[in-house]
Amino acid sequence: MLSRTTDHLFWMARYMERAENTARMLDINLKALLLPQTLE
Protein backbone atom coordinates (compact mmCIF):
# COMPACT_ATOMS: atom_id res chain seq x y z
CA MET A 1 0.00 0.00 0.00
CA LEU A 2 2.84 2.39 0.81
CA SER A 3 4.39 1.68 -2.57
CA ARG A 4 1.12 2.49 -4.36
CA THR A 5 0.73 5.77 -2.45
CA THR A 6 4.32 6.71 -3.22
CA ASP A 7 3.76 5.93 -6.89
CA HIS A 8 0.65 8.10 -7.01
CA LEU A 9 2.46 10.97 -5.29
CA PHE A 10 5.34 10.69 -7.75
CA TRP A 11 3.05 10.88 -10.78
CA MET A 12 0.99 13.69 -9.27
CA ALA A 13 4.19 15.70 -8.80
CA ARG A 14 5.23 14.96 -12.40
CA TYR A 15 1.88 16.16 -13.76
CA MET A 16 2.03 19.29 -11.61
CA GLU A 17 5.51 20.04 -12.93
CA ARG A 18 4.31 19.62 -16.51
CA ALA A 19 1.31 21.88 -15.84
CA GLU A 20 3.60 24.53 -14.35
CA ASN A 21 5.91 24.42 -17.38
CA THR A 22 2.96 24.69 -19.76
CA ALA A 23 1.60 27.66 -17.81
CA ARG A 24 5.00 29.37 -17.98
CA MET A 25 5.20 28.89 -21.75
CA LEU A 26 1.68 30.25 -22.20
CA ASP A 27 2.52 33.26 -20.02
CA ILE A 28 5.67 34.03 -22.02
CA ASN A 29 3.80 33.75 -25.33
CA LEU A 30 0.99 35.98 -24.08
CA LYS A 31 3.47 38.62 -22.94
CA ALA A 32 5.25 38.43 -26.30
CA LEU A 33 1.95 38.91 -28.14
CA LEU A 34 1.14 41.98 -26.06
CA LEU A 35 4.44 43.72 -26.85
CA PRO A 36 4.20 46.58 -29.33
CA GLN A 37 4.94 45.44 -32.87
CA THR A 38 7.20 47.41 -35.19
CA LEU A 39 6.38 47.61 -38.88
CA GLU A 40 9.42 47.07 -41.06
PDB file of N, CA and C in Angstrom:
ATOM      1  N   MET A   1       0.832  -1.203   0.000  1.00  0.00           N
ATOM      2  CA  MET A   1       0.000   0.000   0.000  1.00  0.00           C
ATOM      3  C   MET A   1       0.871   1.260   0.000  1.00  0.00           C
ATOM      4  N   LEU A   2       1.943   1.234   0.766  1.00  0.00           N
ATOM      5  CA  LEU A   2       2.843   2.392   0.808  1.00  0.00           C
ATOM      6  C   LEU A   2       3.455   2.638  -0.565  1.00  0.00           C
ATOM      7  N   SER A   3       3.795   1.552  -1.243  1.00  0.00           N
ATOM      8  CA  SER A   3       4.387   1.683  -2.566  1.00  0.00           C
ATOM      9  C   SER A   3       3.404   2.322  -3.548  1.00  0.00           C
ATOM     10  N   ARG A   4       2.135   1.931  -3.463  1.00  0.00           N
ATOM     11  CA  ARG A   4       1.124   2.489  -4.364  1.00  0.00           C
ATOM     12  C   ARG A   4       0.919   3.976  -4.092  1.00  0.00           C
ATOM     13  N   THR A   5       0.884   4.355  -2.807  1.00  0.00           N
ATOM     14  CA  THR A   5       0.730   5.768  -2.445  1.00  0.00           C
ATOM     15  C   THR A   5       1.925   6.578  -2.930  1.00  0.00           C
ATOM     16  N   THR A   6       3.104   6.035  -2.754  1.00  0.00           N
ATOM     17  CA  THR A   6       4.320   6.709  -3.225  1.00  0.00           C
ATOM     18  C   THR A   6       4.287   6.870  -4.735  1.00  0.00           C
ATOM     19  N   ASP A   7       3.851   5.860  -5.425  1.00  0.00           N
ATOM     20  CA  ASP A   7       3.757   5.926  -6.886  1.00  0.00           C
ATOM     21  C   ASP A   7       2.780   7.012  -7.319  1.00  0.00           C
ATOM     22  N   HIS A   8       1.634   7.079  -6.666  1.00  0.00           N
ATOM     23  CA  HIS A   8       0.645   8.101  -7.008  1.00  0.00           C
ATOM     24  C   HIS A   8       1.180   9.507  -6.722  1.00  0.00           C
ATOM     25  N   LEU A   9       1.881   9.656  -5.615  1.00  0.00           N
ATOM     26  CA  LEU A   9       2.463  10.967  -5.291  1.00  0.00           C
ATOM     27  C   LEU A   9       3.516  11.371  -6.310  1.00  0.00           C
ATOM     28  N   PHE A  10       4.310  10.408  -6.744  1.00  0.00           N
ATOM     29  CA  PHE A  10       5.336  10.688  -7.746  1.00  0.00           C
ATOM     30  C   PHE A  10       4.701  11.192  -9.038  1.00  0.00           C
ATOM     31  N   TRP A  11       3.674  10.477  -9.513  1.00  0.00           N
ATOM     32  CA  TRP A  11       3.055  10.877 -10.778  1.00  0.00           C
ATOM     33  C   TRP A  11       2.284  12.187 -10.640  1.00  0.00           C
ATOM     34  N   MET A  12       1.683  12.420  -9.484  1.00  0.00           N
ATOM     35  CA  MET A  12       0.995  13.689  -9.272  1.00  0.00           C
ATOM     36  C   MET A  12       1.992  14.844  -9.350  1.00  0.00           C
ATOM     37  N   ALA A  13       3.163  14.659  -8.745  1.00  0.00           N
ATOM     38  CA  ALA A  13       4.190  15.698  -8.798  1.00  0.00           C
ATOM     39  C   ALA A  13       4.667  15.916 -10.228  1.00  0.00           C
ATOM     40  N   ARG A  14       4.807  14.826 -10.999  1.00  0.00           N
ATOM     41  CA  ARG A  14       5.228  14.963 -12.397  1.00  0.00           C
ATOM     42  C   ARG A  14       4.209  15.762 -13.202  1.00  0.00           C
ATOM     43  N   TYR A  15       2.924  15.450 -13.016  1.00  0.00           N
ATOM     44  CA  TYR A  15       1.881  16.165 -13.759  1.00  0.00           C
ATOM     45  C   TYR A  15       1.810  17.626 -13.336  1.00  0.00           C
ATOM     46  N   MET A  16       2.022  17.904 -12.064  1.00  0.00           N
ATOM     47  CA  MET A  16       2.027  19.290 -11.606  1.00  0.00           C
ATOM     48  C   MET A  16       3.200  20.049 -12.218  1.00  0.00           C
ATOM     49  N   GLU A  17       4.345  19.401 -12.325  1.00  0.00           N
ATOM     50  CA  GLU A  17       5.512  20.042 -12.933  1.00  0.00           C
ATOM     51  C   GLU A  17       5.248  20.344 -14.403  1.00  0.00           C
ATOM     52  N   ARG A  18       4.638  19.398 -15.101  1.00  0.00           N
ATOM     53  CA  ARG A  18       4.308  19.624 -16.507  1.00  0.00           C
ATOM     54  C   ARG A  18       3.306  20.760 -16.658  1.00  0.00           C
ATOM     55  N   ALA A  19       2.307  20.812 -15.789  1.00  0.00           N
ATOM     56  CA  ALA A  19       1.309  21.881 -15.844  1.00  0.00           C
ATOM     57  C   ALA A  19       1.963  23.239 -15.590  1.00  0.00           C
ATOM     58  N   GLU A  20       2.898  23.281 -14.650  1.00  0.00           N
ATOM     59  CA  GLU A  20       3.595  24.532 -14.353  1.00  0.00           C
ATOM     60  C   GLU A  20       4.420  24.987 -15.562  1.00  0.00           C
ATOM     61  N   ASN A  21       5.121  24.063 -16.203  1.00  0.00           N
ATOM     62  CA  ASN A  21       5.913  24.416 -17.377  1.00  0.00           C
ATOM     63  C   ASN A  21       5.029  24.907 -18.518  1.00  0.00           C
ATOM     64  N   THR A  22       3.893  24.259 -18.715  1.00  0.00           N
ATOM     65  CA  THR A  22       2.958  24.693 -19.762  1.00  0.00           C
ATOM     66  C   THR A  22       2.428  26.086 -19.460  1.00  0.00           C
ATOM     67  N   ALA A  23       2.089  26.339 -18.197  1.00  0.00           N
ATOM     68  CA  ALA A  23       1.596  27.661 -17.811  1.00  0.00           C
ATOM     69  C   ALA A  23       2.662  28.730 -18.029  1.00  0.00           C
ATOM     70  N   ARG A  24       3.915  28.406 -17.754  1.00  0.00           N
ATOM     71  CA  ARG A  24       4.997  29.375 -17.983  1.00  0.00           C
ATOM     72  C   ARG A  24       5.150  29.693 -19.467  1.00  0.00           C
ATOM     73  N   MET A  25       5.080  28.656 -20.307  1.00  0.00           N
ATOM     74  CA  MET A  25       5.201  28.891 -21.751  1.00  0.00           C
ATOM     75  C   MET A  25       4.040  29.736 -22.270  1.00  0.00           C
ATOM     76  N   LEU A  26       2.840  29.455 -21.790  1.00  0.00           N
ATOM     77  CA  LEU A  26       1.685  30.252 -22.203  1.00  0.00           C
ATOM     78  C   LEU A  26       1.837  31.703 -21.747  1.00  0.00           C
ATOM     79  N   ASP A  27       2.332  31.909 -20.537  1.00  0.00           N
ATOM     80  CA  ASP A  27       2.525  33.258 -20.018  1.00  0.00           C
ATOM     81  C   ASP A  27       3.544  34.025 -20.855  1.00  0.00           C
ATOM     82  N   ILE A  28       4.640  33.376 -21.207  1.00  0.00           N
ATOM     83  CA  ILE A  28       5.669  34.029 -22.022  1.00  0.00           C
ATOM     84  C   ILE A  28       5.112  34.391 -23.402  1.00  0.00           C
ATOM     85  N   ASN A  29       4.370  33.464 -24.005  1.00  0.00           N
ATOM     86  CA  ASN A  29       3.801  33.746 -25.325  1.00  0.00           C
ATOM     87  C   ASN A  29       2.775  34.859 -25.271  1.00  0.00           C
ATOM     88  N   LEU A  30       1.970  34.903 -24.219  1.00  0.00           N
ATOM     89  CA  LEU A  30       0.986  35.977 -24.082  1.00  0.00           C
ATOM     90  C   LEU A  30       1.687  37.320 -23.943  1.00  0.00           C
ATOM     91  N   LYS A  31       2.729  37.371 -23.108  1.00  0.00           N
ATOM     92  CA  LYS A  31       3.466  38.625 -22.942  1.00  0.00           C
ATOM     93  C   LYS A  31       4.121  39.058 -24.244  1.00  0.00           C
ATOM     94  N   ALA A  32       4.634  38.104 -25.017  1.00  0.00           N
ATOM     95  CA  ALA A  32       5.246  38.433 -26.296  1.00  0.00           C
ATOM     96  C   ALA A  32       4.213  38.974 -27.270  1.00  0.00           C
ATOM     97  N   LEU A  33       3.012  38.420 -27.247  1.00  0.00           N
ATOM     98  CA  LEU A  33       1.945  38.911 -28.140  1.00  0.00           C
ATOM     99  C   LEU A  33       1.500  40.316 -27.779  1.00  0.00           C
ATOM    100  N   LEU A  34       1.602  40.674 -26.503  1.00  0.00           N
ATOM    101  CA  LEU A  34       1.140  41.985 -26.061  1.00  0.00           C
ATOM    102  C   LEU A  34       2.199  43.074 -26.246  1.00  0.00           C
ATOM    103  N   LEU A  35       3.414  42.708 -26.613  1.00  0.00           N
ATOM    104  CA  LEU A  35       4.439  43.716 -26.850  1.00  0.00           C
ATOM    105  C   LEU A  35       4.089  44.516 -28.115  1.00  0.00           C
ATOM    106  N   PRO A  36       4.455  45.794 -28.125  1.00  0.00           N
ATOM    107  CA  PRO A  36       4.198  46.578 -29.332  1.00  0.00           C
ATOM    108  C   PRO A  36       4.972  46.012 -30.526  1.00  0.00           C
ATOM    109  N   GLN A  37       4.323  45.963 -31.650  1.00  0.00           N
ATOM    110  CA  GLN A  37       4.939  45.440 -32.866  1.00  0.00           C
ATOM    111  C   GLN A  37       5.482  46.587 -33.702  1.00  0.00           C
ATOM    112  N   THR A  38       6.650  46.417 -34.278  1.00  0.00           N
ATOM    113  CA  THR A  38       7.202  47.413 -35.192  1.00  0.00           C
ATOM    114  C   THR A  38       6.948  46.972 -36.614  1.00  0.00           C
ATOM    115  N   LEU A  39       6.623  47.913 -37.465  1.00  0.00           N
ATOM    116  CA  LEU A  39       6.381  47.608 -38.877  1.00  0.00           C
ATOM    117  C   LEU A  39       7.640  47.907 -39.652  1.00  0.00           C
ATOM    118  N   GLU A  40       8.190  46.880 -40.255  1.00  0.00           N
ATOM    119  CA  GLU A  40       9.417  47.068 -41.058  1.00  0.00           C
ATOM    120  C   GLU A  40       9.199  46.511 -42.429  1.00  0.00           C
TER     121      GLU A  40
END
